[in-house]
Amino acid sequence: MPTSAIADLWDAIGAGAARESPLWEAALRPPDLQEREPAFSELAEERYKLGLETIYEGYLLHYGRPRLFAPADGDTALLLGDY
């Protein structure tokens, strides 16, 4: 995936979460602190890339270490993981 397409993918995930809630917008890390490494999107067709990375980011918020977000506490992480 070209570098600009990867950046667009991460920007889309962050922007979507920010539109949903100010709480989620506050949890979004600055771009230079985000870990923008694709996990599964490289394996998928273009139309599935955003969905796969969004779902995986939600999983990481629930069970791991999120790449794009830094929630203030466990409750916020749980809520954001349901985005």
N, C-alpha and C. Protein backbone atom coordinates (compact mmCIF):
# COMPACT_ATOMS: atom_id res chain seq x y z
N MET A 1 0.85 -1.16 0.00
CA MET A 1 0.00 0.00 0.00
C MET A 1 0.90 1.23 0.00
N PRO A 2 0.65 2.20 -0.88
CA PRO A 2 1.48 3.41 -0.90
C PRO A 2 1.39 4.17 0.43
N THR A 3 2.46 4.88 0.75
CA THR A 3 2.54 5.59 2.02
C THR A 3 1.36 6.53 2.22
N SER A 4 0.94 7.26 1.18
CA SER A 4 -0.18 8.19 1.33
C SER A 4 -1.48 7.45 1.62
N ALA A 5 -1.65 6.26 1.05
CA ALA A 5 -2.86 5.48 1.32
C ALA A 5 -2.87 5.00 2.76
N ILE A 6 -1.72 4.62 3.30
CA ILE A 6 -1.63 4.20 4.69
C ILE A 6 -1.96 5.37 5.61
N ALA A 7 -1.42 6.54 5.33
CA ALA A 7 -1.71 7.73 6.13
C ALA A 7 -3.19 8.05 6.08
N ASP A 8 -3.80 7.95 4.90
CA ASP A 8 -5.22 8.21 4.77
C ASP A 8 -6.04 7.24 5.61
N LEU A 9 -5.62 5.99 5.67
CA LEU A 9 -6.31 4.97 6.45
C LEU A 9 -6.32 5.35 7.92
N TRP A 10 -5.15 5.70 8.47
CA TRP A 10 -5.06 6.07 9.89
C TRP A 10 -5.82 7.36 10.16
N ASP A 11 -5.72 8.31 9.24
CA ASP A 11 -6.44 9.57 9.41
C ASP A 11 -7.95 9.33 9.41
N ALA A 12 -8.42 8.41 8.58
CA ALA A 12 -9.85 8.10 8.52
C ALA A 12 -10.33 7.46 9.82
N ILE A 13 -9.54 6.57 10.38
CA ILE A 13 -9.92 5.94 11.65
C ILE A 13 -10.01 7.00 12.75
N GLY A 14 -9.00 7.84 12.85
CA GLY A 14 -8.98 8.89 13.87
C GLY A 14 -10.10 9.90 13.69
N ALA A 15 -10.33 10.33 12.46
CA ALA A 15 -11.37 11.32 12.19
C ALA A 15 -12.76 10.74 12.48
N GLY A 16 -12.96 9.48 12.13
CA GLY A 16 -14.25 8.85 12.40
C GLY A 16 -14.53 8.77 13.89
N ALA A 17 -13.55 8.39 14.66
CA ALA A 17 -13.72 8.31 16.11
C ALA A 17 -13.95 9.71 16.69
N ALA A 18 -13.20 10.69 16.22
CA ALA A 18 -13.34 12.07 16.72
C ALA A 18 -14.73 12.63 16.43
N ARG A 19 -15.30 12.29 15.27
CA ARG A 19 -16.65 12.74 14.94
C ARG A 19 -17.70 12.12 15.86
N GLU A 20 -17.44 10.93 16.33
CA GLU A 20 -18.41 10.22 17.17
C GLU A 20 -18.49 10.78 18.58
N SER A 21 -17.36 11.22 19.13
CA SER A 21 -17.37 11.62 20.53
C SER A 21 -16.16 12.49 20.87
N PRO A 22 -16.37 13.56 21.64
CA PRO A 22 -15.23 14.35 22.11
C PRO A 22 -14.31 13.54 23.03
N LEU A 23 -14.87 12.57 23.73
CA LEU A 23 -14.07 11.69 24.58
C LEU A 23 -13.07 10.91 23.74
N TRP A 24 -13.51 10.41 22.62
CA TRP A 24 -12.63 9.65 21.73
C TRP A 24 -11.62 10.57 21.05
N GLU A 25 -12.08 11.77 20.71
CA GLU A 25 -11.15 12.74 20.10
C GLU A 25 -10.02 13.07 21.08
N ALA A 26 -10.36 13.20 22.36
CA ALA A 26 -9.35 13.51 23.38
C ALA A 26 -8.36 12.36 23.56
N ALA A 27 -8.80 11.13 23.29
CA ALA A 27 -7.93 9.96 23.46
C ALA A 27 -7.01 9.74 22.26
N LEU A 28 -7.26 10.42 21.17
CA LEU A 28 -6.46 10.25 19.96
C LEU A 28 -5.05 10.83 20.17
N ARG A 29 -4.05 10.00 19.94
CA ARG A 29 -2.67 10.47 20.06
C ARG A 29 -2.34 11.44 18.92
N PRO A 30 -1.40 12.35 19.14
CA PRO A 30 -0.92 13.17 18.02
C PRO A 30 -0.32 12.25 16.95
N PRO A 31 -0.43 12.61 15.68
CA PRO A 31 0.07 11.73 14.60
C PRO A 31 1.51 11.26 14.79
N ASP A 32 2.38 12.10 15.32
CA ASP A 32 3.78 11.69 15.46
C ASP A 32 3.98 10.66 16.58
N LEU A 33 2.97 10.45 17.42
CA LEU A 33 3.05 9.45 18.49
C LEU A 33 2.23 8.19 18.18
N GLN A 34 1.54 8.21 17.06
CA GLN A 34 0.75 7.04 16.66
C GLN A 34 1.67 5.98 16.05
N GLU A 35 1.30 4.74 16.25
CA GLU A 35 2.04 3.62 15.66
C GLU A 35 1.27 3.16 14.43
N ARG A 36 1.58 3.74 13.31
CA ARG A 36 0.83 3.51 12.08
C ARG A 36 1.39 2.34 11.28
N GLU A 37 1.37 1.18 11.90
CA GLU A 37 1.82 -0.05 11.24
C GLU A 37 0.61 -0.92 10.93
N PRO A 38 0.35 -1.20 9.67
CA PRO A 38 -0.81 -2.02 9.33
C PRO A 38 -0.64 -3.45 9.83
N ALA A 39 -1.74 -4.03 10.29
CA ALA A 39 -1.71 -5.41 10.77
C ALA A 39 -2.30 -6.35 9.72
N PHE A 40 -3.51 -6.07 9.30
CA PHE A 40 -4.20 -6.98 8.39
C PHE A 40 -4.57 -6.36 7.05
N SER A 41 -4.53 -5.05 6.95
CA SER A 41 -4.99 -4.40 5.72
C SER A 41 -4.13 -4.76 4.51
N GLU A 42 -2.89 -5.10 4.74
CA GLU A 42 -2.01 -5.49 3.63
C GLU A 42 -2.48 -6.78 2.97
N LEU A 43 -3.27 -7.57 3.66
CA LEU A 43 -3.73 -8.86 3.16
C LEU A 43 -5.06 -8.77 2.43
N ALA A 44 -5.69 -7.61 2.46
CA ALA A 44 -7.07 -7.48 1.98
C ALA A 44 -7.18 -6.64 0.72
N GLU A 45 -8.33 -6.79 0.08
CA GLU A 45 -8.66 -5.91 -1.04
C GLU A 45 -8.84 -4.49 -0.49
N GLU A 46 -8.68 -3.52 -1.36
CA GLU A 46 -8.75 -2.11 -0.98
C GLU A 46 -10.03 -1.78 -0.19
N ARG A 47 -11.15 -2.31 -0.63
CA ARG A 47 -12.43 -1.96 -0.01
C ARG A 47 -12.57 -2.47 1.43
N TYR A 48 -11.72 -3.40 1.85
CA TYR A 48 -11.80 -3.95 3.20
C TYR A 48 -10.75 -3.38 4.16
N LYS A 49 -9.78 -2.66 3.65
CA LYS A 49 -8.64 -2.22 4.46
C LYS A 49 -9.04 -1.38 5.67
N LEU A 50 -9.87 -0.37 5.46
CA LEU A 50 -10.29 0.50 6.56
C LEU A 50 -11.04 -0.29 7.63
N GLY A 51 -11.95 -1.13 7.22
CA GLY A 51 -12.71 -1.93 8.17
C GLY A 51 -11.84 -2.85 9.00
N LEU A 52 -10.90 -3.52 8.35
CA LEU A 52 -10.02 -4.44 9.07
C LEU A 52 -9.17 -3.73 10.12
N GLU A 53 -8.57 -2.62 9.74
CA GLU A 53 -7.72 -1.90 10.70
C GLU A 53 -8.55 -1.25 11.81
N THR A 54 -9.77 -0.81 11.50
CA THR A 54 -10.64 -0.23 12.53
C THR A 54 -11.03 -1.30 13.55
N ILE A 55 -11.41 -2.47 13.05
CA ILE A 55 -11.78 -3.57 13.95
C ILE A 55 -10.59 -3.98 14.81
N TYR A 56 -9.42 -4.07 14.21
CA TYR A 56 -8.24 -4.47 14.97
C TYR A 56 -7.87 -3.41 16.02
N GLU A 57 -8.00 -2.15 15.67
CA GLU A 57 -7.72 -1.09 16.65
C GLU A 57 -8.68 -1.20 17.84
N GLY A 58 -9.95 -1.49 17.56
CA GLY A 58 -10.91 -1.71 18.64
C GLY A 58 -10.52 -2.88 19.52
N TYR A 59 -10.07 -3.95 18.89
CA TYR A 59 -9.59 -5.12 19.64
C TYR A 59 -8.42 -4.72 20.54
N LEU A 60 -7.48 -3.96 19.99
CA LEU A 60 -6.33 -3.54 20.79
C LEU A 60 -6.74 -2.65 21.96
N LEU A 61 -7.76 -1.84 21.77
CA LEU A 61 -8.25 -1.01 22.87
C LEU A 61 -8.82 -1.87 23.99
N HIS A 62 -9.47 -2.96 23.64
CA HIS A 62 -10.04 -3.86 24.65
C HIS A 62 -8.99 -4.75 25.29
N TYR A 63 -8.07 -5.30 24.49
CA TYR A 63 -7.23 -6.39 24.97
C TYR A 63 -5.72 -6.17 24.83
N GLY A 64 -5.31 -5.10 24.21
CA GLY A 64 -3.89 -4.94 23.96
C GLY A 64 -3.41 -3.52 24.17
N ARG A 65 -2.55 -3.11 23.27
CA ARG A 65 -1.96 -1.76 23.32
C ARG A 65 -2.34 -1.05 22.02
N PRO A 66 -3.28 -0.10 22.08
CA PRO A 66 -3.74 0.57 20.87
C PRO A 66 -2.63 1.36 20.17
N ARG A 67 -2.75 1.45 18.87
CA ARG A 67 -1.75 2.13 18.05
C ARG A 67 -2.04 3.61 17.89
N LEU A 68 -3.32 3.99 17.88
CA LEU A 68 -3.70 5.37 17.57
C LEU A 68 -4.22 6.16 18.76
N PHE A 69 -4.60 5.47 19.80
CA PHE A 69 -5.27 6.12 20.93
C PHE A 69 -4.51 5.90 22.23
N ALA A 70 -4.70 6.85 23.15
CA ALA A 70 -4.13 6.74 24.50
C ALA A 70 -5.25 7.10 25.48
N PRO A 71 -6.16 6.16 25.73
CA PRO A 71 -7.27 6.45 26.63
C PRO A 71 -6.79 6.77 28.04
N ALA A 72 -7.53 7.62 28.72
CA ALA A 72 -7.14 8.07 30.06
C ALA A 72 -7.23 6.95 31.09
N ASP A 73 -8.14 6.01 30.87
CA ASP A 73 -8.33 4.93 31.86
C ASP A 73 -8.95 3.72 31.18
N GLY A 74 -9.10 2.65 31.95
CA GLY A 74 -9.64 1.41 31.41
C GLY A 74 -11.07 1.52 30.93
N ASP A 75 -11.88 2.33 31.61
CA ASP A 75 -13.27 2.50 31.19
C ASP A 75 -13.35 3.19 29.83
N THR A 76 -12.54 4.21 29.64
CA THR A 76 -12.51 4.90 28.36
C THR A 76 -12.01 3.97 27.26
N ALA A 77 -11.01 3.17 27.56
CA ALA A 77 -10.50 2.21 26.58
C ALA A 77 -11.58 1.21 26.18
N LEU A 78 -12.34 0.74 27.15
CA LEU A 78 -13.42 -0.20 26.86
C LEU A 78 -14.47 0.45 25.97
N LEU A 79 -14.86 1.67 26.30
CA LEU A 79 -15.85 2.40 25.51
C LEU A 79 -15.33 2.66 24.10
N LEU A 80 -14.13 3.13 23.98
CA LEU A 80 -13.55 3.43 22.68
C LEU A 80 -13.38 2.17 21.85
N GLY A 81 -13.09 1.06 22.48
CA GLY A 81 -12.94 -0.20 21.76
C GLY A 81 -14.21 -0.64 21.08
N ASP A 82 -15.35 -0.12 21.52
CA ASP A 82 -16.63 -0.45 20.90
C ASP A 82 -16.95 0.45 19.71
N TYR A 83 -16.10 1.42 19.43
CA TYR A 83 -16.31 2.27 18.26
C TYR A 83 -16.21 1.42 17.03
